[in-house]
């Protein structure tokens, strides 16, 4: 499945700020290495609840290998990755990690360990800090409060046509600061253009994000996926990405 984008955001391994990074894996020099990055703050989870965070595979310019991912969690905690295999041609490399705490999970600080193994070279590991609290006590991260919402089924876009797709940010009135919404790409097929209508959402806004998709007259037929990601300006919320499916058809 290919993922298309309004804009491709490229990150250099050495240029990342505001995120926790693993040690380099892969080859011997920076160009052939990669690492994992994740949230800088501890994710608080109540017993019986779950939270989601976003991780990223950051590639050196010559690192063109597939990467296999595995998450390990402490007893009473379940960690599930929405992708366990990242293809060599993928460019955005955003991964969702859902962390669920059972009612018997040990209280206090702990960690989820995510391991990334390339086809050749060294493996790297990222530790995602978590804190388990009593059910109904404290405050969980805003992950469960904020979420991007879009259509449940594929939106048909005919060649030569533009379609507007409803995408909203739930509970936007609770935003502390702003939330920036982008469309990241693993692949950008010729003839497909996707634009986020409202890229910056404030608490005074309605929460309408909006997505405009245009297929040229020679756009490739078939299904594509647009991945939307939302980032809080002050890291007060970790918002899971949203995949919006489209289907290009002949007129």
C-alpha atoms as a PDB file:
ATOM      1  CA  UNK A   1       0.000   0.000   0.000  1.00  0.00           C
ATOM      2  CA  UNK A   2       1.380   3.418  -0.926  1.00  0.00           C
ATOM      3  CA  UNK A   3       0.993   6.576   1.113  1.00  0.00           C
ATOM      4  CA  UNK A   4       0.685   9.946  -0.616  1.00  0.00           C
ATOM      5  CA  UNK A   5       1.171  13.432   0.730  1.00  0.00           C
ATOM      6  CA  UNK A   6       0.609  17.120   0.391  1.00  0.00           C
ATOM      7  CA  UNK A   7       4.152  17.751   1.561  1.00  0.00           C
ATOM      8  CA  UNK A   8       7.101  15.502   2.245  1.00  0.00           C
ATOM      9  CA  UNK A   9       8.942  16.490   5.409  1.00  0.00           C
ATOM     10  CA  UNK A  10      12.526  15.247   5.508  1.00  0.00           C
ATOM     11  CA  UNK A  11      14.436  14.899   8.752  1.00  0.00           C
ATOM     12  CA  UNK A  12      18.199  14.477   9.077  1.00  0.00           C
ATOM     13  CA  UNK A  13      19.423  12.138  11.772  1.00  0.00           C
ATOM     14  CA  UNK A  14      21.432  14.850  13.429  1.00  0.00           C
ATOM     15  CA  UNK A  15      18.806  17.558  13.069  1.00  0.00           C
ATOM     16  CA  UNK A  16      16.011  16.210  15.222  1.00  0.00           C
ATOM     17  CA  UNK A  17      14.936  18.282  18.206  1.00  0.00           C
ATOM     18  CA  UNK A  18      12.300  17.762  20.844  1.00  0.00           C
ATOM     19  CA  UNK A  19      12.309  13.985  20.667  1.00  0.00           C
ATOM     20  CA  UNK A  20      14.074  11.094  22.337  1.00  0.00           C
ATOM     21  CA  UNK A  21      16.398   9.129  20.067  1.00  0.00           C
ATOM     22  CA  UNK A  22      17.972   5.693  20.145  1.00  0.00           C
ATOM     23  CA  UNK A  23      21.623   4.991  19.427  1.00  0.00           C
ATOM     24  CA  UNK A  24      22.426   4.606  15.705  1.00  0.00           C
ATOM     25  CA  UNK A  25      21.875   1.216  14.089  1.00  0.00           C
ATOM     26  CA  UNK A  26      22.709  -0.140  10.649  1.00  0.00           C
ATOM     27  CA  UNK A  27      26.072   0.597   9.027  1.00  0.00           C
ATOM     28  CA  UNK A  28      29.389   2.011  10.163  1.00  0.00           C
ATOM     29  CA  UNK A  29      28.939   5.645   9.049  1.00  0.00           C
ATOM     30  CA  UNK A  30      26.149   8.192   9.518  1.00  0.00           C
ATOM     31  CA  UNK A  31      24.926   7.981   5.916  1.00  0.00           C
ATOM     32  CA  UNK A  32      24.293   4.241   6.273  1.00  0.00           C
ATOM     33  CA  UNK A  33      22.779   4.414   9.775  1.00  0.00           C
ATOM     34  CA  UNK A  34      19.302   4.886  11.191  1.00  0.00           C
ATOM     35  CA  UNK A  35      17.681   5.443  14.571  1.00  0.00           C
ATOM     36  CA  UNK A  36      14.321   5.517  16.323  1.00  0.00           C
ATOM     37  CA  UNK A  37      12.788   8.614  17.903  1.00  0.00           C
ATOM     38  CA  UNK A  38       9.834   8.963  20.253  1.00  0.00           C
ATOM     39  CA  UNK A  39       8.224  11.222  22.862  1.00  0.00           C
ATOM     40  CA  UNK A  40      10.478  13.155  25.230  1.00  0.00           C
ATOM     41  CA  UNK A  41       8.061  13.009  28.150  1.00  0.00           C
ATOM     42  CA  UNK A  42       6.728  10.085  30.171  1.00  0.00           C
ATOM     43  CA  UNK A  43       3.364   8.760  28.983  1.00  0.00           C
ATOM     44  CA  UNK A  44       0.998   8.411  31.939  1.00  0.00           C
ATOM     45  CA  UNK A  45      -1.501   5.534  31.748  1.00  0.00           C
ATOM     46  CA  UNK A  46      -4.204   4.625  34.235  1.00  0.00           C
ATOM     47  CA  UNK A  47      -4.820   0.985  35.048  1.00  0.00           C
ATOM     48  CA  UNK A  48      -7.442  -0.397  32.659  1.00  0.00           C
ATOM     49  CA  UNK A  49      -6.738   2.273  30.034  1.00  0.00           C
ATOM     50  CA  UNK A  50      -4.492   2.706  27.005  1.00  0.00           C
ATOM     51  CA  UNK A  51      -2.513   5.473  25.375  1.00  0.00           C
ATOM     52  CA  UNK A  52      -0.921   5.805  21.922  1.00  0.00           C
ATOM     53  CA  UNK A  53       2.356   7.471  21.000  1.00  0.00           C
ATOM     54  CA  UNK A  54       4.061   8.071  17.675  1.00  0.00           C
ATOM     55  CA  UNK A  55       7.542   6.752  16.878  1.00  0.00           C
ATOM     56  CA  UNK A  56       9.657   7.450  13.818  1.00  0.00           C
ATOM     57  CA  UNK A  57      12.372   5.631  11.895  1.00  0.00           C
ATOM     58  CA  UNK A  58      14.975   8.235  10.897  1.00  0.00           C
ATOM     59  CA  UNK A  59      17.187   7.212   7.983  1.00  0.00           C
ATOM     60  CA  UNK A  60      20.628   8.316   6.877  1.00  0.00           C
ATOM     61  CA  UNK A  61      20.699   9.330   3.222  1.00  0.00           C
ATOM     62  CA  UNK A  62      22.221   5.998   2.154  1.00  0.00           C
ATOM     63  CA  UNK A  63      20.316   3.750   4.559  1.00  0.00           C
ATOM     64  CA  UNK A  64      17.930   1.917   2.225  1.00  0.00           C
ATOM     65  CA  UNK A  65      17.116  -1.257   4.151  1.00  0.00           C
ATOM     66  CA  UNK A  66      13.859  -2.680   5.422  1.00  0.00           C
ATOM     67  CA  UNK A  67      13.493  -2.513   9.221  1.00  0.00           C
ATOM     68  CA  UNK A  68      11.687  -5.026  11.465  1.00  0.00           C
ATOM     69  CA  UNK A  69      10.206  -3.694  14.724  1.00  0.00           C
ATOM     70  CA  UNK A  70       9.320  -5.411  17.994  1.00  0.00           C
ATOM     71  CA  UNK A  71       7.864  -3.942  21.209  1.00  0.00           C
ATOM     72  CA  UNK A  72       8.373  -5.465  24.654  1.00  0.00           C
ATOM     73  CA  UNK A  73       6.391  -4.327  27.694  1.00  0.00           C
ATOM     74  CA  UNK A  74       6.546  -5.089  31.426  1.00  0.00           C
ATOM     75  CA  UNK A  75       4.149  -7.553  33.078  1.00  0.00           C
ATOM     76  CA  UNK A  76       0.567  -6.335  33.023  1.00  0.00           C
ATOM     77  CA  UNK A  77       1.216  -3.949  30.141  1.00  0.00           C
ATOM     78  CA  UNK A  78       0.601  -4.678  26.457  1.00  0.00           C
ATOM     79  CA  UNK A  79       2.423  -2.780  23.701  1.00  0.00           C
ATOM     80  CA  UNK A  80       1.183  -3.024  20.101  1.00  0.00           C
ATOM     81  CA  UNK A  81       2.847  -1.493  17.048  1.00  0.00           C
ATOM     82  CA  UNK A  82       0.624  -0.569  14.104  1.00  0.00           C
ATOM     83  CA  UNK A  83       3.516  -1.551  11.815  1.00  0.00           C
ATOM     84  CA  UNK A  84       6.152  -4.185  12.473  1.00  0.00           C
ATOM     85  CA  UNK A  85       7.883  -4.029   9.089  1.00  0.00           C
ATOM     86  CA  UNK A  86       9.014  -0.803   7.410  1.00  0.00           C
ATOM     87  CA  UNK A  87       9.892  -1.224   3.738  1.00  0.00           C
ATOM     88  CA  UNK A  88      13.149   0.037   2.311  1.00  0.00           C
ATOM     89  CA  UNK A  89      11.334   2.541   0.060  1.00  0.00           C
ATOM     90  CA  UNK A  90       9.253   4.086   2.841  1.00  0.00           C
ATOM     91  CA  UNK A  91      10.105   7.736   3.517  1.00  0.00           C
ATOM     92  CA  UNK A  92       7.857   8.951   6.336  1.00  0.00           C
ATOM     93  CA  UNK A  93       8.369   5.914   8.568  1.00  0.00           C
ATOM     94  CA  UNK A  94       5.867   7.000  11.233  1.00  0.00           C
ATOM     95  CA  UNK A  95       4.767   4.201  13.557  1.00  0.00           C
ATOM     96  CA  UNK A  96       1.934   4.179  16.080  1.00  0.00           C
ATOM     97  CA  UNK A  97       2.545   2.438  19.427  1.00  0.00           C
ATOM     98  CA  UNK A  98      -0.491   1.605  21.556  1.00  0.00           C
ATOM     99  CA  UNK A  99       0.234   0.895  25.227  1.00  0.00           C
ATOM    100  CA  UNK A 100      -2.472  -0.709  27.376  1.00  0.00           C
ATOM    101  CA  UNK A 101      -2.257  -1.207  31.146  1.00  0.00           C
ATOM    102  CA  UNK A 102      -4.251  -3.994  32.776  1.00  0.00           C
ATOM    103  CA  UNK A 103      -5.877  -3.546  36.172  1.00  0.00           C
ATOM    104  CA  UNK A 104      -2.965  -5.524  37.644  1.00  0.00           C
ATOM    105  CA  UNK A 105      -0.122  -3.555  36.051  1.00  0.00           C
ATOM    106  CA  UNK A 106       2.540  -2.485  38.549  1.00  0.00           C
ATOM    107  CA  UNK A 107       2.156   1.146  39.612  1.00  0.00           C
ATOM    108  CA  UNK A 108       4.926   3.659  39.007  1.00  0.00           C
ATOM    109  CA  UNK A 109       7.543   4.367  36.387  1.00  0.00           C
ATOM    110  CA  UNK A 110       8.459   1.744  33.815  1.00  0.00           C
ATOM    111  CA  UNK A 111       9.305   1.495  30.137  1.00  0.00           C
ATOM    112  CA  UNK A 112       8.347  -0.117  26.847  1.00  0.00           C
ATOM    113  CA  UNK A 113      11.330  -1.241  24.793  1.00  0.00           C
ATOM    114  CA  UNK A 114      11.101  -1.011  21.004  1.00  0.00           C
ATOM    115  CA  UNK A 115      13.755  -2.853  18.994  1.00  0.00           C
ATOM    116  CA  UNK A 116      14.486  -2.083  15.335  1.00  0.00           C
ATOM    117  CA  UNK A 117      16.443  -4.638  13.317  1.00  0.00           C
ATOM    118  CA  UNK A 118      17.737  -3.854   9.809  1.00  0.00           C
ATOM    119  CA  UNK A 119      18.395  -6.443   7.123  1.00  0.00           C
ATOM    120  CA  UNK A 120      22.141  -6.099   7.764  1.00  0.00           C
ATOM    121  CA  UNK A 121      24.148  -4.218  10.373  1.00  0.00           C
ATOM    122  CA  UNK A 122      23.457  -3.440  14.005  1.00  0.00           C
ATOM    123  CA  UNK A 123      20.113  -3.365  15.799  1.00  0.00           C
ATOM    124  CA  UNK A 124      18.987  -0.309  17.778  1.00  0.00           C
ATOM    125  CA  UNK A 125      16.659   0.023  20.772  1.00  0.00           C
ATOM    126  CA  UNK A 126      14.413   2.858  21.993  1.00  0.00           C
ATOM    127  CA  UNK A 127      13.041   2.974  25.537  1.00  0.00           C
ATOM    128  CA  UNK A 128       9.627   4.665  25.800  1.00  0.00           C
ATOM    129  CA  UNK A 129       9.059   5.847  29.396  1.00  0.00           C
ATOM    130  CA  UNK A 130       5.623   5.181  30.909  1.00  0.00           C
ATOM    131  CA  UNK A 131       4.016   5.723  34.303  1.00  0.00           C
ATOM    132  CA  UNK A 132       1.164   3.517  35.518  1.00  0.00           C
ATOM    133  CA  UNK A 133      -1.328   5.170  37.881  1.00  0.00           C
ATOM    134  CA  UNK A 134      -4.403   3.976  39.755  1.00  0.00           C
ATOM    135  CA  UNK A 135      -7.650   3.829  37.778  1.00  0.00           C
ATOM    136  CA  UNK A 136      -9.458   7.127  38.098  1.00  0.00           C
ATOM    137  CA  UNK A 137      -6.490   8.933  39.678  1.00  0.00           C
ATOM    138  CA  UNK A 138      -4.033  11.468  38.355  1.00  0.00           C
ATOM    139  CA  UNK A 139      -4.251  12.596  34.752  1.00  0.00           C
ATOM    140  CA  UNK A 140      -3.425  10.580  31.693  1.00  0.00           C
ATOM    141  CA  UNK A 141      -1.759  12.068  28.630  1.00  0.00           C
ATOM    142  CA  UNK A 142      -4.060  13.870  26.244  1.00  0.00           C
ATOM    143  CA  UNK A 143      -3.721  11.025  23.756  1.00  0.00           C
ATOM    144  CA  UNK A 144      -7.139   9.646  24.689  1.00  0.00           C
ATOM    145  CA  UNK A 145      -8.656  13.153  24.489  1.00  0.00           C
ATOM    146  CA  UNK A 146      -7.372  14.280  21.109  1.00  0.00           C
ATOM    147  CA  UNK A 147      -7.699  12.230  17.941  1.00  0.00           C
ATOM    148  CA  UNK A 148      -7.994  12.794  14.221  1.00  0.00           C
ATOM    149  CA  UNK A 149     -11.218  11.512  12.723  1.00  0.00           C
ATOM    150  CA  UNK A 150     -11.995  10.834   9.053  1.00  0.00           C
ATOM    151  CA  UNK A 151     -14.089   8.606   6.774  1.00  0.00           C
ATOM    152  CA  UNK A 152     -14.241   4.904   7.620  1.00  0.00           C
ATOM    153  CA  UNK A 153     -14.313   3.817   3.969  1.00  0.00           C
ATOM    154  CA  UNK A 154     -12.319   4.761   0.864  1.00  0.00           C
ATOM    155  CA  UNK A 155     -13.199   8.036  -0.840  1.00  0.00           C
ATOM    156  CA  UNK A 156     -13.482   7.713  -4.614  1.00  0.00           C
ATOM    157  CA  UNK A 157     -11.631  10.341  -6.637  1.00  0.00           C
ATOM    158  CA  UNK A 158     -11.970  10.229 -10.417  1.00  0.00           C
ATOM    159  CA  UNK A 159      -9.110  11.130 -12.726  1.00  0.00           C
ATOM    160  CA  UNK A 160      -9.215  14.890 -13.373  1.00  0.00           C
ATOM    161  CA  UNK A 161     -11.315  15.489 -10.244  1.00  0.00           C
ATOM    162  CA  UNK A 162     -10.815  17.209  -6.871  1.00  0.00           C
ATOM    163  CA  UNK A 163     -12.557  15.930  -3.738  1.00  0.00           C
ATOM    164  CA  UNK A 164     -12.827  17.511  -0.292  1.00  0.00           C
ATOM    165  CA  UNK A 165     -12.680  15.005   2.553  1.00  0.00           C
ATOM    166  CA  UNK A 166     -13.943  15.775   6.047  1.00  0.00           C
ATOM    167  CA  UNK A 167     -11.233  15.355   8.686  1.00  0.00           C
ATOM    168  CA  UNK A 168     -11.635  16.740  12.204  1.00  0.00           C
ATOM    169  CA  UNK A 169      -9.610  17.002  15.402  1.00  0.00           C
ATOM    170  CA  UNK A 170     -11.784  15.776  18.266  1.00  0.00           C
ATOM    171  CA  UNK A 171     -11.946  17.893  21.445  1.00  0.00           C
ATOM    172  CA  UNK A 172     -10.072  20.767  19.820  1.00  0.00           C
ATOM    173  CA  UNK A 173     -11.519  23.135  22.456  1.00  0.00           C
ATOM    174  CA  UNK A 174      -9.185  21.531  25.032  1.00  0.00           C
ATOM    175  CA  UNK A 175      -5.991  22.367  23.102  1.00  0.00           C
ATOM    176  CA  UNK A 176      -3.265  24.032  25.146  1.00  0.00           C
ATOM    177  CA  UNK A 177      -1.394  26.031  22.507  1.00  0.00           C
ATOM    178  CA  UNK A 178      -1.840  24.855  18.913  1.00  0.00           C
ATOM    179  CA  UNK A 179      -1.884  21.593  16.977  1.00  0.00           C
ATOM    180  CA  UNK A 180      -0.201  21.444  13.559  1.00  0.00           C
ATOM    181  CA  UNK A 181      -1.539  18.901  11.047  1.00  0.00           C
ATOM    182  CA  UNK A 182       0.583  17.601   8.171  1.00  0.00           C
ATOM    183  CA  UNK A 183       0.333  14.942   5.488  1.00  0.00           C
ATOM    184  CA  UNK A 184       3.432  12.737   5.456  1.00  0.00           C
ATOM    185  CA  UNK A 185       4.316  10.417   2.620  1.00  0.00           C
ATOM    186  CA  UNK A 186       5.872   7.018   2.146  1.00  0.00           C
ATOM    187  CA  UNK A 187       5.394   7.318  -1.584  1.00  0.00           C
ATOM    188  CA  UNK A 188       4.086  10.093  -3.821  1.00  0.00           C
ATOM    189  CA  UNK A 189       2.632   8.713  -7.059  1.00  0.00           C
ATOM    190  CA  UNK A 190       2.627  11.075  -9.982  1.00  0.00           C
ATOM    191  CA  UNK A 191      -0.725  12.746 -10.513  1.00  0.00           C
ATOM    192  CA  UNK A 192      -1.963  12.716  -6.891  1.00  0.00           C
ATOM    193  CA  UNK A 193      -1.995  15.923  -4.844  1.00  0.00           C
ATOM    194  CA  UNK A 194      -3.194  16.119  -1.247  1.00  0.00           C
ATOM    195  CA  UNK A 195      -3.517  19.353   0.740  1.00  0.00           C
ATOM    196  CA  UNK A 196      -4.404  19.878   4.392  1.00  0.00           C
ATOM    197  CA  UNK A 197      -6.915  22.747   4.405  1.00  0.00           C
ATOM    198  CA  UNK A 198      -6.351  23.977   7.980  1.00  0.00           C
ATOM    199  CA  UNK A 199      -2.808  23.140   9.018  1.00  0.00           C
ATOM    200  CA  UNK A 200      -2.887  24.893  12.413  1.00  0.00           C
ATOM    201  CA  UNK A 201      -5.715  24.298  14.910  1.00  0.00           C
ATOM    202  CA  UNK A 202      -6.278  26.441  18.033  1.00  0.00           C
ATOM    203  CA  UNK A 203      -8.657  25.895  20.940  1.00  0.00           C
ATOM    204  CA  UNK A 204     -10.904  28.650  19.548  1.00  0.00           C
ATOM    205  CA  UNK A 205     -11.286  26.767  16.250  1.00  0.00           C
ATOM    206  CA  UNK A 206     -14.005  24.259  15.400  1.00  0.00           C
ATOM    207  CA  UNK A 207     -11.517  21.428  14.985  1.00  0.00           C
ATOM    208  CA  UNK A 208     -12.185  21.121  11.255  1.00  0.00           C
ATOM    209  CA  UNK A 209      -8.967  20.073   9.502  1.00  0.00           C
ATOM    210  CA  UNK A 210     -10.156  19.232   6.001  1.00  0.00           C
ATOM    211  CA  UNK A 211      -8.276  17.423   3.265  1.00  0.00           C
ATOM    212  CA  UNK A 212      -8.367  18.279  -0.456  1.00  0.00           C
ATOM    213  CA  UNK A 213      -7.302  15.529  -2.858  1.00  0.00           C
ATOM    214  CA  UNK A 214      -6.769  16.102  -6.577  1.00  0.00           C
ATOM    215  CA  UNK A 215      -6.184  13.346  -9.139  1.00  0.00           C
ATOM    216  CA  UNK A 216      -4.743  14.403 -12.479  1.00  0.00           C
ATOM    217  CA  UNK A 217      -6.098  13.016 -15.731  1.00  0.00           C
ATOM    218  CA  UNK A 218      -3.275  10.465 -15.848  1.00  0.00           C
ATOM    219  CA  UNK A 219      -3.216   9.616 -12.127  1.00  0.00           C
ATOM    220  CA  UNK A 220      -2.629   5.881 -11.465  1.00  0.00           C
ATOM    221  CA  UNK A 221      -5.824   3.934 -10.837  1.00  0.00           C
ATOM    222  CA  UNK A 222      -6.375   2.069  -7.590  1.00  0.00           C
ATOM    223  CA  UNK A 223      -6.145   2.628  -3.842  1.00  0.00           C
ATOM    224  CA  UNK A 224      -3.796   5.058  -2.128  1.00  0.00           C
ATOM    225  CA  UNK A 225      -3.454   6.101   1.507  1.00  0.00           C
ATOM    226  CA  UNK A 226      -2.857   9.587   2.844  1.00  0.00           C
ATOM    227  CA  UNK A 227      -1.391   9.692   6.335  1.00  0.00           C
ATOM    228  CA  UNK A 228      -2.179  12.716   8.484  1.00  0.00           C
ATOM    229  CA  UNK A 229      -0.114  13.463  11.574  1.00  0.00           C
ATOM    230  CA  UNK A 230      -0.842  16.065  14.248  1.00  0.00           C
ATOM    231  CA  UNK A 231       1.747  17.573  16.583  1.00  0.00           C
ATOM    232  CA  UNK A 232       1.056  19.680  19.676  1.00  0.00           C
ATOM    233  CA  UNK A 233       3.054  22.922  19.861  1.00  0.00           C
ATOM    234  CA  UNK A 234       4.119  22.339  23.480  1.00  0.00           C
ATOM    235  CA  UNK A 235       4.091  18.522  23.579  1.00  0.00           C
ATOM    236  CA  UNK A 236       0.964  18.576  25.768  1.00  0.00           C
ATOM    237  CA  UNK A 237      -0.653  15.906  23.581  1.00  0.00           C
ATOM    238  CA  UNK A 238       0.473  12.868  21.624  1.00  0.00           C
ATOM    239  CA  UNK A 239      -1.998  12.322  18.797  1.00  0.00           C
ATOM    240  CA  UNK A 240      -2.091   9.055  16.816  1.00  0.00           C
ATOM    241  CA  UNK A 241      -1.773   9.419  13.019  1.00  0.00           C
ATOM    242  CA  UNK A 242      -4.815   8.985  10.763  1.00  0.00           C
ATOM    243  CA  UNK A 243      -4.724   7.050   7.484  1.00  0.00           C
ATOM    244  CA  UNK A 244      -7.258   8.291   4.930  1.00  0.00           C
ATOM    245  CA  UNK A 245      -7.882   5.895   2.051  1.00  0.00           C
ATOM    246  CA  UNK A 246      -8.730   7.062  -1.441  1.00  0.00           C
ATOM    247  CA  UNK A 247      -9.538   5.122  -4.593  1.00  0.00           C
ATOM    248  CA  UNK A 248      -8.707   6.611  -7.982  1.00  0.00           C
ATOM    249  CA  UNK A 249     -11.086   5.621 -10.766  1.00  0.00           C
ATOM    250  CA  UNK A 250     -11.461   6.458 -14.434  1.00  0.00           C
ATOM    251  CA  UNK A 251     -14.021   9.215 -15.239  1.00  0.00           C
END
